[in-house]
Amino acid sequence: MPTAATLVDLENLRHDVDTQVERHLAELAREVGAVGGRATALTDQAAVLLRGGKRLRAAFCYWSYRAHGGAAEGPERDAVVRAGAALELFQAAALLHDDVMDASDTRRGEPTAHRAFEARHAAAGWSGSAARFGVSAAILLGDLCLVACQREIAGAVAGLPADRATAARALFDAMQTEVVVGQYLDVLVQAEPWGQDPATDEERARAVLRAKSARYSVERPLVLGALLAGAAPGGVEAVSAAGLPLGEAFQLRDDVLGVFGDPSVTGKPAGDDLREGKRTVLVARTMASASPADRDLLVARLGDPQLDAATVERLRGVIAGSGALDGVETLIDALADGALDALAAAGLEEPGRTVLLDLARAAVDRAA
């Protein structure tokens, strides 16, 4: 089966999206530098984050466009590439803010932005709190990336027919609102009582992942590509219906990797989600099925930033032994299979149809 990396490379997509992101960052750096030269540290750090990433969101958008009859070259294709760049810039903003809220130390094998700015402050011997400076700078960088994504999507749709431009921009704006709401729901669920009603806990966890990740990772890019191609309402509805369960499966895979992933592949420490205390479907199912002693251990240690490797391994054993890991894997398979069936039946055009089906499989069956 083709890998996600090889699929994103098809029709020169990764190169073209990367080029557009780099072009936008270069223009932004010039603008930032004109306001205050030392502030280009922000755009330098954005470049570190944006040079990584799988570009799956851009690929889902592009291949949905192609599967709905979009041309492989010309101004409309250029617009879709720019829309892909806008998705990548928006994801950067979401990751920057998410890393601050989760107090994450690494992202894609590099220090997170707030840690990088914290280290810059400490190395220079500046006054005040280095940690507070780091958090403040990362929040501002996230805001700057939000500005950038707005400009990029506006430029992407500027030359399109008015109906397509309006629909695409409305979708992009709605997507941003969804993610902000999803982030708040994530913060809320971390604060609310947990473990008293496992069924409710799981439903809250799934509501968070739908709003925070599933829609903007898969469903919205698929719909955006269809809108940019001028797809009929039925075609848009078909990819939307397939995209949401596929997006859920995508995020559930992330949750599994956050506990059981290989750090050399994921770019994050082993068991990092356990240290961050993420209340995921995996954790909710463990709480529902584990023995009282194991449940007490999970409650006591989940969210402890000082978890050592031995305790992480012990908690992994609790999760796997409860049957939660197998249960989530089964759920991932069921969601992905339903989404693949829906995509296969959506009347999509080649070569986009085949590439989208392969992308869907690769997005779920991955190690990072």
Protein backbone atom coordinates (compact mmCIF):
# COMPACT_ATOMS: atom_id res chain seq x y z
CA MET A 1 0.00 0.00 0.00
CA PRO A 2 1.36 3.49 -0.79
CA THR A 3 2.56 5.50 2.19
CA ALA A 4 1.19 8.89 3.12
CA ALA A 5 4.52 10.47 2.15
CA THR A 6 4.49 9.04 -1.38
CA LEU A 7 0.85 10.00 -1.86
CA VAL A 8 1.44 13.61 -0.82
CA ASP A 9 4.31 13.78 -3.32
CA LEU A 10 2.03 12.91 -6.27
CA GLU A 11 1.54 15.63 -8.91
CA ASN A 12 4.28 17.63 -7.14
CA LEU A 13 1.83 18.61 -4.42
CA ARG A 14 4.16 18.62 -1.41
CA HIS A 15 6.76 20.71 -3.25
CA ASP A 16 4.18 23.21 -4.42
CA VAL A 17 2.51 23.58 -1.02
CA ASP A 18 5.90 23.88 0.69
CA THR A 19 6.95 26.53 -1.83
CA GLN A 20 3.80 28.52 -1.19
CA VAL A 21 4.19 28.28 2.59
CA GLU A 22 7.82 29.41 2.30
CA ARG A 23 6.81 32.28 0.03
CA HIS A 24 4.20 33.42 2.51
CA LEU A 25 6.63 33.18 5.44
CA ALA A 26 9.25 35.17 3.53
CA GLU A 27 6.74 37.95 2.84
CA LEU A 28 5.59 37.86 6.45
CA ALA A 29 9.19 38.05 7.70
CA ARG A 30 9.77 41.17 5.62
CA GLU A 31 6.63 42.75 7.03
CA VAL A 32 7.50 41.79 10.60
CA GLY A 33 11.08 42.99 10.15
CA ALA A 34 9.88 46.37 8.92
CA VAL A 35 7.89 46.81 12.12
CA GLY A 36 10.65 45.58 14.42
CA GLY A 37 13.73 43.72 13.24
CA ARG A 38 14.19 41.65 16.39
CA ALA A 39 10.67 40.28 16.01
CA THR A 40 11.74 38.15 13.05
CA ALA A 41 12.49 35.56 15.74
CA LEU A 42 8.78 34.84 15.42
CA THR A 43 8.89 34.02 11.73
CA ASP A 44 12.13 32.10 12.18
CA GLN A 45 10.39 29.89 14.73
CA ALA A 46 7.34 29.51 12.46
CA ALA A 47 9.66 28.23 9.74
CA VAL A 48 11.00 25.56 12.11
CA LEU A 49 7.49 24.28 12.79
CA LEU A 50 6.22 24.56 9.22
CA ARG A 51 9.09 22.75 7.56
CA GLY A 52 7.86 19.55 9.21
CA GLY A 53 4.47 17.93 8.96
CA LYS A 54 2.81 15.33 6.78
CA ARG A 55 0.80 17.79 4.62
CA LEU A 56 -2.17 15.41 4.84
CA ARG A 57 -4.70 18.21 5.16
CA ALA A 58 -3.43 19.87 2.00
CA ALA A 59 -3.48 16.46 0.28
CA PHE A 60 -7.07 15.71 1.29
CA CYS A 61 -8.11 19.11 -0.06
CA TYR A 62 -6.19 18.75 -3.33
CA TRP A 63 -7.25 15.20 -4.14
CA SER A 64 -10.86 15.94 -3.30
CA TYR A 65 -10.62 18.80 -5.80
CA ARG A 66 -9.17 16.39 -8.39
CA ALA A 67 -11.78 13.74 -7.58
CA HIS A 68 -14.52 16.29 -8.29
CA GLY A 69 -13.17 17.11 -11.74
CA GLY A 70 -10.57 19.74 -10.90
CA ALA A 71 -7.77 20.23 -13.42
CA ALA A 72 -4.17 19.16 -12.74
CA GLU A 73 -2.82 22.52 -13.94
CA GLY A 74 -3.95 26.10 -14.36
CA PRO A 75 -5.22 28.89 -12.11
CA GLU A 76 -7.80 26.76 -10.28
CA ARG A 77 -5.12 24.23 -9.40
CA ASP A 78 -2.97 27.10 -8.12
CA ALA A 79 -5.88 28.21 -5.94
CA VAL A 80 -6.16 24.74 -4.38
CA VAL A 81 -2.42 24.66 -3.65
CA ARG A 82 -2.77 28.01 -1.89
CA ALA A 83 -5.76 26.66 0.04
CA GLY A 84 -3.54 23.78 1.11
CA ALA A 85 -0.93 26.27 2.30
CA ALA A 86 -3.65 28.09 4.25
CA LEU A 87 -4.60 24.80 5.94
CA GLU A 88 -0.97 24.22 6.90
CA LEU A 89 -0.66 27.74 8.33
CA PHE A 90 -3.86 27.24 10.31
CA GLN A 91 -2.61 23.93 11.65
CA ALA A 92 0.59 25.64 12.77
CA ALA A 93 -1.47 28.14 14.76
CA ALA A 94 -3.51 25.35 16.33
CA LEU A 95 -0.38 23.38 17.26
CA LEU A 96 1.33 26.40 18.78
CA HIS A 97 -1.61 27.16 21.05
CA ASP A 98 -2.21 23.46 21.81
CA ASP A 99 1.41 22.97 22.87
CA VAL A 100 1.13 25.90 25.28
CA MET A 101 -2.09 24.55 26.81
CA ASP A 102 -0.63 21.05 27.12
CA ALA A 103 2.78 22.32 28.35
CA SER A 104 4.39 20.09 25.73
CA ASP A 105 8.16 20.03 25.46
CA THR A 106 8.65 18.70 21.93
CA ARG A 107 6.91 18.78 18.57
CA ARG A 108 8.18 16.78 15.58
CA GLY A 109 11.43 16.08 17.37
CA GLU A 110 12.17 19.76 18.07
CA PRO A 111 11.53 21.90 21.17
CA THR A 112 8.06 23.39 21.10
CA ALA A 113 7.92 27.11 20.39
CA HIS A 114 7.31 28.17 23.98
CA ARG A 115 10.28 26.07 25.10
CA ALA A 116 12.47 27.50 22.33
CA PHE A 117 11.60 31.07 23.32
CA GLU A 118 12.06 30.20 27.00
CA ALA A 119 15.56 28.92 26.20
CA ARG A 120 16.31 32.08 24.20
CA HIS A 121 15.36 34.21 27.21
CA ALA A 122 17.45 32.13 29.61
CA ALA A 123 20.49 32.07 27.34
CA ALA A 124 20.41 35.86 26.96
CA GLY A 125 20.05 36.44 30.69
CA TRP A 126 17.03 38.69 30.22
CA SER A 127 15.00 39.87 33.20
CA GLY A 128 11.72 38.37 34.31
CA SER A 129 10.40 34.84 33.98
CA ALA A 130 11.86 32.87 31.06
CA ALA A 131 8.87 30.50 31.12
CA ARG A 132 6.37 33.35 30.96
CA PHE A 133 8.29 34.96 28.09
CA GLY A 134 8.23 31.65 26.21
CA VAL A 135 4.49 31.18 26.63
CA SER A 136 3.77 34.80 25.65
CA ALA A 137 5.89 34.57 22.50
CA ALA A 138 4.33 31.27 21.44
CA ILE A 139 0.81 32.63 21.86
CA LEU A 140 1.70 35.66 19.76
CA LEU A 141 3.26 33.42 17.12
CA GLY A 142 0.08 31.38 17.01
CA ASP A 143 -1.88 34.58 16.48
CA LEU A 144 0.51 35.59 13.70
CA CYS A 145 -0.04 32.24 11.98
CA LEU A 146 -3.80 32.81 12.21
CA VAL A 147 -3.35 36.13 10.42
CA ALA A 148 -1.21 34.37 7.82
CA CYS A 149 -3.78 31.64 7.14
CA GLN A 150 -6.51 34.24 6.68
CA ARG A 151 -4.43 36.11 4.14
CA GLU A 152 -3.53 32.91 2.31
CA ILE A 153 -7.10 31.63 1.97
CA ALA A 154 -8.21 35.10 0.84
CA GLY A 155 -5.52 35.05 -1.86
CA ALA A 156 -6.42 31.48 -2.82
CA VAL A 157 -10.05 32.23 -3.62
CA ALA A 158 -9.59 35.76 -5.02
CA GLY A 159 -9.64 34.70 -8.67
CA LEU A 160 -12.37 32.06 -8.44
CA PRO A 161 -16.02 32.45 -9.41
CA ALA A 162 -17.88 34.32 -6.69
CA ASP A 163 -20.03 31.39 -5.60
CA ARG A 164 -17.03 29.10 -5.12
CA ALA A 165 -15.01 31.78 -3.36
CA THR A 166 -17.84 32.60 -0.96
CA ALA A 167 -18.55 28.96 -0.12
CA ALA A 168 -14.86 28.10 0.38
CA ARG A 169 -14.22 31.11 2.60
CA ALA A 170 -17.32 30.42 4.70
CA LEU A 171 -16.21 26.84 5.23
CA PHE A 172 -12.68 27.90 6.19
CA ASP A 173 -14.02 30.42 8.68
CA ALA A 174 -16.39 27.86 10.22
CA MET A 175 -13.50 25.41 10.54
CA GLN A 176 -11.52 27.91 12.60
CA THR A 177 -14.45 28.46 14.95
CA GLU A 178 -14.86 24.70 15.38
CA VAL A 179 -11.25 24.22 16.38
CA VAL A 180 -11.32 27.06 18.92
CA VAL A 181 -14.50 25.62 20.44
CA GLY A 182 -12.95 22.16 20.40
CA GLN A 183 -9.89 23.48 22.23
CA TYR A 184 -12.12 25.03 24.88
CA LEU A 185 -14.06 21.77 25.26
CA ASP A 186 -10.73 20.00 25.69
CA VAL A 187 -9.71 22.42 28.45
CA LEU A 188 -13.16 21.99 30.03
CA VAL A 189 -13.11 18.21 30.01
CA GLN A 190 -9.69 18.28 31.71
CA ALA A 191 -11.23 20.30 34.56
CA GLU A 192 -14.53 18.46 34.99
CA PRO A 193 -15.01 15.39 37.20
CA TRP A 194 -13.81 12.22 35.50
CA GLY A 195 -14.28 8.51 36.09
CA GLN A 196 -17.73 8.51 37.64
CA ASP A 197 -19.65 7.74 34.44
CA PRO A 198 -17.44 6.03 31.84
CA ALA A 199 -20.03 6.17 29.04
CA THR A 200 -20.40 9.93 29.47
CA ASP A 201 -16.63 10.32 29.71
CA GLU A 202 -16.18 8.57 26.37
CA GLU A 203 -18.86 10.64 24.68
CA ARG A 204 -17.27 13.85 25.96
CA ALA A 205 -13.88 12.68 24.70
CA ARG A 206 -15.33 11.91 21.27
CA ALA A 207 -17.08 15.28 21.13
CA VAL A 208 -13.74 16.97 21.79
CA LEU A 209 -11.89 15.03 19.12
CA ARG A 210 -14.60 15.70 16.52
CA ALA A 211 -14.55 19.46 17.10
CA LYS A 212 -10.86 19.88 17.83
CA SER A 213 -9.32 17.58 15.24
CA ALA A 214 -11.54 15.27 13.17
CA ARG A 215 -13.28 17.98 11.19
CA TYR A 216 -10.30 20.19 10.43
CA SER A 217 -7.94 17.29 9.81
CA VAL A 218 -10.05 15.42 7.27
CA GLU A 219 -13.69 16.44 6.78
CA ARG A 220 -13.17 20.16 6.19
CA PRO A 221 -10.21 19.72 3.81
CA LEU A 222 -12.24 17.19 1.78
CA VAL A 223 -15.21 19.56 1.60
CA LEU A 224 -12.97 22.54 0.81
CA GLY A 225 -11.48 20.70 -2.16
CA ALA A 226 -14.93 19.78 -3.43
CA LEU A 227 -16.13 23.38 -3.14
CA LEU A 228 -13.05 24.70 -4.95
CA ALA A 229 -13.80 22.28 -7.80
CA GLY A 230 -17.39 23.54 -8.03
CA ALA A 231 -18.89 20.21 -6.91
CA ALA A 232 -22.66 19.84 -6.74
CA PRO A 233 -24.26 19.81 -3.26
CA GLY A 234 -24.64 16.04 -3.37
CA GLY A 235 -20.93 15.57 -3.96
CA VAL A 236 -20.06 17.92 -1.13
CA GLU A 237 -22.40 16.07 1.22
CA ALA A 238 -20.92 12.71 0.25
CA VAL A 239 -17.33 13.62 1.10
CA SER A 240 -18.47 15.36 4.28
CA ALA A 241 -20.27 12.21 5.43
CA ALA A 242 -17.16 10.13 4.78
CA GLY A 243 -14.77 12.71 6.20
CA LEU A 244 -16.10 12.93 9.75
CA PRO A 245 -15.72 9.24 10.70
CA LEU A 246 -12.39 9.15 8.90
CA GLY A 247 -11.30 12.19 10.89
CA GLU A 248 -12.36 10.46 14.11
CA ALA A 249 -10.32 7.40 13.18
CA PHE A 250 -7.36 9.69 12.36
CA GLN A 251 -7.49 11.34 15.80
CA LEU A 252 -8.02 8.06 17.63
CA ARG A 253 -4.86 6.80 15.94
CA ASP A 254 -3.08 9.91 17.27
CA ASP A 255 -4.37 9.10 20.76
CA VAL A 256 -3.02 5.56 20.55
CA LEU A 257 0.35 6.84 19.30
CA GLY A 258 0.41 9.40 22.11
CA VAL A 259 0.63 6.51 24.58
CA PHE A 260 2.14 3.63 22.62
CA GLY A 261 4.05 5.36 19.80
CA ASP A 262 7.76 5.05 19.12
CA PRO A 263 9.41 8.38 20.08
CA SER A 264 11.95 8.05 17.27
CA VAL A 265 9.04 8.06 14.82
CA THR A 266 6.47 10.33 16.51
CA GLY A 267 8.98 12.99 17.58
CA LYS A 268 7.47 13.09 21.09
CA PRO A 269 8.58 11.35 24.29
CA ALA A 270 7.07 7.92 25.01
CA GLY A 271 3.79 8.23 26.89
CA ASP A 272 3.67 12.00 26.56
CA ASP A 273 -0.14 12.01 26.55
CA LEU A 274 -0.06 10.31 29.95
CA ARG A 275 2.17 13.03 31.38
CA GLU A 276 -0.12 15.68 29.90
CA GLY A 277 -3.16 13.93 31.40
CA LYS A 278 -5.15 13.81 28.18
CA ARG A 279 -8.62 12.44 28.77
CA THR A 280 -9.10 10.45 25.62
CA VAL A 281 -11.38 7.63 24.52
CA LEU A 282 -8.49 5.29 25.33
CA VAL A 283 -8.38 6.55 28.92
CA ALA A 284 -12.18 6.55 29.29
CA ARG A 285 -12.37 2.92 28.20
CA THR A 286 -9.57 2.00 30.58
CA MET A 287 -11.44 3.66 33.45
CA ALA A 288 -14.52 1.66 32.51
CA SER A 289 -12.83 -1.74 32.34
CA ALA A 290 -9.74 -1.77 34.58
CA SER A 291 -9.62 -3.36 38.00
CA PRO A 292 -10.20 -1.02 40.97
CA ALA A 293 -6.48 -1.06 41.81
CA ASP A 294 -5.46 -0.29 38.23
CA ARG A 295 -8.08 2.42 37.97
CA ASP A 296 -6.77 4.02 41.16
CA LEU A 297 -3.24 3.94 39.76
CA LEU A 298 -4.37 5.61 36.54
CA VAL A 299 -6.28 8.31 38.42
CA ALA A 300 -3.29 8.97 40.68
CA ARG A 301 -0.64 9.18 37.97
CA LEU A 302 -2.44 10.50 34.86
CA GLY A 303 -1.29 14.07 34.29
CA ASP A 304 1.90 13.75 36.35
CA PRO A 305 4.63 15.54 34.33
CA GLN A 306 7.29 13.66 36.29
CA LEU A 307 6.25 10.18 35.15
CA ASP A 308 9.36 8.09 34.64
CA ALA A 309 9.79 5.44 31.96
CA ALA A 310 8.95 2.58 34.33
CA THR A 311 5.66 4.16 35.40
CA VAL A 312 4.76 4.97 31.78
CA GLU A 313 5.31 1.31 30.94
CA ARG A 314 3.18 0.26 33.90
CA LEU A 315 0.33 2.52 32.82
CA ARG A 316 0.61 1.19 29.29
CA GLY A 317 0.17 -2.27 30.75
CA VAL A 318 -2.94 -1.13 32.63
CA ILE A 319 -4.46 0.30 29.43
CA ALA A 320 -3.65 -2.74 27.32
CA GLY A 321 -4.67 -5.18 30.04
CA SER A 322 -8.06 -3.52 30.46
CA GLY A 323 -8.93 -4.26 26.84
CA ALA A 324 -9.17 -0.53 26.06
CA LEU A 325 -6.39 -0.63 23.47
CA ASP A 326 -8.00 -3.48 21.53
CA GLY A 327 -11.37 -1.77 21.82
CA VAL A 328 -10.09 1.50 20.39
CA GLU A 329 -8.32 -0.36 17.57
CA THR A 330 -11.64 -2.02 16.74
CA LEU A 331 -13.38 1.36 16.80
CA ILE A 332 -10.72 2.83 14.49
CA ASP A 333 -11.24 -0.03 12.04
CA ALA A 334 -15.03 0.35 12.09
CA LEU A 335 -14.90 4.12 11.53
CA ALA A 336 -12.28 3.83 8.79
CA ASP A 337 -14.08 0.99 7.00
CA GLY A 338 -17.34 2.95 6.97
CA ALA A 339 -15.57 6.04 5.65
CA LEU A 340 -13.80 4.07 2.93
CA ASP A 341 -17.07 2.50 1.82
CA ALA A 342 -18.69 5.93 1.68
CA LEU A 343 -15.83 7.39 -0.36
CA ALA A 344 -15.84 4.42 -2.73
CA ALA A 345 -19.56 4.94 -3.35
CA ALA A 346 -19.38 8.72 -3.77
CA GLY A 347 -19.08 8.78 -7.57
CA LEU A 348 -15.63 10.36 -7.53
CA GLU A 349 -13.48 10.74 -10.64
CA GLU A 350 -10.10 9.16 -11.31
CA PRO A 351 -7.28 9.57 -10.49
CA GLY A 352 -8.58 11.45 -7.46
CA ARG A 353 -10.82 8.62 -6.30
CA THR A 354 -8.01 6.09 -5.99
CA VAL A 355 -5.61 8.54 -4.37
CA LEU A 356 -8.23 9.64 -1.83
CA LEU A 357 -8.94 6.03 -0.87
CA ASP A 358 -5.23 5.38 -0.46
CA LEU A 359 -4.80 8.58 1.55
CA ALA A 360 -7.66 7.57 3.83
CA ARG A 361 -6.03 4.23 4.56
CA ALA A 362 -2.61 5.80 5.08
CA ALA A 363 -3.99 8.44 7.46
CA VAL A 364 -5.28 5.75 9.79
CA ASP A 365 -2.65 3.05 9.33
CA ARG A 366 0.43 5.03 10.39
CA ALA A 367 3.14 5.10 13.03
CA ALA A 368 3.44 8.88 13.41
